Amino acid sequence: MELIQKTNLKKIYQPNGDILHALKSTDDGFKRFGEVYFSKINHGSIKAWKRHLKMTLNLVCPIGKVKFVFYKEKLGFETAIIGEEIYQRLTVPPGIWFGFQGMSSPFSLVMNLADIVHDPKEIERLSIECISFPMEKVS
């Protein structure tokens, strides 16, 4: 059983700069619009662990490359690498622990189109040591 949904995204070549699709209201994975935010992650850095209790995330990496690790008790781990060369959207339902690591220099950019507005009361956080998953060193 997969923890997340992976959707290949469309890139439209333009001589002056490509158009990168992310999410349409008619796409599978879209529930409703809450907010969009961007997260920069430096090369080799790890941001982990976080779990949303209500929010569904739609994650896209238009710049760089990022490795995501997802975890749910009894279902185990699932990994996904997305970015400019593997242009996909990851739809993450509530209740999944996740962390991510920047794999591009100097940084990567992750966009989240969430179905609800950020609410610190619906997020749980753990230190990186609390869930044992070996992240590789990025060269």
Protein backbone atom coordinates (compact mmCIF):
# COMPACT_ATOMS: atom_id res chain seq x y z
CA MET A 1 0.00 0.00 0.00
CA GLU A 2 1.36 3.41 -0.96
CA LEU A 3 1.34 6.16 1.64
CA ILE A 4 1.26 8.97 -0.90
CA GLN A 5 0.02 9.63 -4.42
CA LYS A 6 2.59 10.46 -7.13
CA THR A 7 1.42 12.40 -10.20
CA ASN A 8 3.59 13.12 -13.23
CA LEU A 9 3.39 16.79 -14.14
CA LYS A 10 3.49 18.59 -17.45
CA LYS A 11 6.42 20.77 -18.50
CA ILE A 12 5.86 22.93 -21.56
CA TYR A 13 9.04 24.01 -23.30
CA GLN A 14 9.28 27.72 -24.07
CA PRO A 15 12.44 29.24 -25.57
CA ASN A 16 12.51 31.99 -22.93
CA GLY A 17 11.69 29.66 -20.00
CA ASP A 18 9.50 26.60 -19.51
CA ILE A 19 5.99 26.50 -18.04
CA LEU A 20 5.72 24.04 -15.14
CA HIS A 21 2.25 22.81 -14.22
CA ALA A 22 1.56 22.03 -10.54
CA LEU A 23 -2.15 21.47 -9.79
CA LYS A 24 -5.54 22.20 -11.33
CA SER A 25 -8.83 22.15 -9.47
CA THR A 26 -9.88 19.25 -11.72
CA ASP A 27 -6.83 17.11 -10.79
CA ASP A 28 -6.95 14.05 -8.59
CA GLY A 29 -5.45 15.12 -5.26
CA PHE A 30 -7.11 18.55 -5.22
CA LYS A 31 -9.63 18.93 -2.39
CA ARG A 32 -9.90 22.68 -1.92
CA PHE A 33 -7.60 25.66 -1.67
CA GLY A 34 -6.22 26.63 1.72
CA GLU A 35 -2.85 28.23 1.01
CA VAL A 36 0.34 27.94 -1.00
CA TYR A 37 3.76 28.29 0.53
CA PHE A 38 7.35 27.67 -0.52
CA SER A 39 10.12 26.09 1.51
CA LYS A 40 13.79 26.51 0.61
CA ILE A 41 16.09 23.69 1.67
CA ASN A 42 19.84 23.96 1.45
CA HIS A 43 21.99 21.29 -0.17
CA GLY A 44 22.38 18.36 2.24
CA SER A 45 20.07 19.83 4.88
CA ILE A 46 17.30 17.70 6.39
CA LYS A 47 13.95 18.94 7.66
CA ALA A 48 12.25 16.18 9.69
CA TRP A 49 9.85 15.03 11.21
CA LYS A 50 6.41 16.60 10.80
CA ARG A 51 2.87 15.20 10.62
CA HIS A 52 -0.30 17.11 9.75
CA LEU A 53 -3.48 15.96 11.45
CA LYS A 54 -5.94 17.65 9.04
CA MET A 55 -3.96 19.10 6.11
CA THR A 56 -3.55 17.37 2.76
CA LEU A 57 -0.31 18.48 1.11
CA ASN A 58 0.43 18.74 -2.62
CA LEU A 59 4.22 18.99 -2.89
CA VAL A 60 6.10 20.08 -6.04
CA CYS A 61 9.82 20.82 -6.45
CA PRO A 62 10.24 23.18 -9.43
CA ILE A 63 13.86 24.09 -8.60
CA GLY A 64 16.53 21.56 -7.65
CA LYS A 65 15.92 18.05 -6.35
CA VAL A 66 14.55 16.84 -3.00
CA LYS A 67 14.32 13.43 -1.35
CA PHE A 68 11.18 12.87 0.73
CA VAL A 69 10.72 10.13 3.31
CA PHE A 70 7.21 9.23 4.49
CA TYR A 71 6.34 7.03 7.45
CA LYS A 72 3.23 5.57 9.02
CA GLU A 73 3.18 2.97 11.76
CA LYS A 74 2.23 -0.51 10.51
CA LEU A 75 2.72 0.63 6.88
CA GLY A 76 6.43 1.49 7.10
CA PHE A 77 8.50 3.86 4.97
CA GLU A 78 8.12 5.20 1.46
CA THR A 79 10.62 7.44 -0.32
CA ALA A 80 10.27 9.71 -3.32
CA ILE A 81 12.72 11.95 -5.13
CA ILE A 82 11.22 14.82 -7.09
CA GLY A 83 12.63 17.85 -8.84
CA GLU A 84 13.36 19.40 -12.18
CA GLU A 85 14.30 16.06 -13.79
CA ILE A 86 11.63 13.98 -12.00
CA TYR A 87 8.80 16.46 -12.23
CA GLN A 88 5.97 15.06 -10.11
CA ARG A 89 3.48 16.16 -7.50
CA LEU A 90 3.30 14.25 -4.23
CA THR A 91 -0.13 14.27 -2.56
CA VAL A 92 0.22 13.50 1.14
CA PRO A 93 -2.90 12.80 3.20
CA PRO A 94 -3.14 13.72 6.89
CA GLY A 95 -1.52 11.39 9.42
CA ILE A 96 1.74 10.67 7.55
CA TRP A 97 5.09 11.56 9.16
CA PHE A 98 7.52 13.08 6.67
CA GLY A 99 10.91 14.64 6.29
CA PHE A 100 12.93 15.86 3.35
CA GLN A 101 16.50 16.50 2.28
CA GLY A 102 17.88 19.01 -0.22
CA MET A 103 19.87 17.29 -2.95
CA SER A 104 20.83 20.25 -5.17
CA SER A 105 23.35 23.03 -4.69
CA PRO A 106 23.00 25.68 -3.46
CA PHE A 107 19.34 24.93 -2.55
CA SER A 108 16.07 23.40 -3.72
CA LEU A 109 12.61 24.90 -3.61
CA VAL A 110 9.49 22.98 -2.53
CA MET A 111 5.97 24.30 -3.07
CA ASN A 112 3.04 23.05 -0.98
CA LEU A 113 -0.50 23.72 -2.16
CA ALA A 114 -2.45 22.82 0.97
CA ASP A 115 -6.17 22.27 1.37
CA ILE A 116 -6.36 24.28 4.63
CA VAL A 117 -4.66 27.39 5.99
CA HIS A 118 -1.65 26.77 8.23
CA ASP A 119 -2.68 26.05 11.82
CA PRO A 120 0.10 25.22 14.31
CA LYS A 121 -2.42 23.24 16.40
CA GLU A 122 -2.85 20.61 13.68
CA ILE A 123 0.87 19.84 13.29
CA GLU A 124 2.93 17.38 15.30
CA ARG A 125 6.74 17.53 15.23
CA LEU A 126 9.47 15.13 16.29
CA SER A 127 13.23 15.53 16.33
CA ILE A 128 15.08 13.72 13.55
CA GLU A 129 16.32 11.02 15.95
CA CYS A 130 12.78 9.93 16.92
CA ILE A 131 12.06 8.05 13.69
CA SER A 132 14.98 5.93 12.57
CA PHE A 133 15.55 6.26 8.82
CA PRO A 134 19.07 6.54 7.42
CA MET A 135 19.42 9.61 5.19
CA GLU A 136 22.40 9.38 2.86
CA LYS A 137 25.04 12.06 2.77
CA VAL A 138 24.54 14.23 -0.29
CA SER A 139 27.65 15.06 -2.29
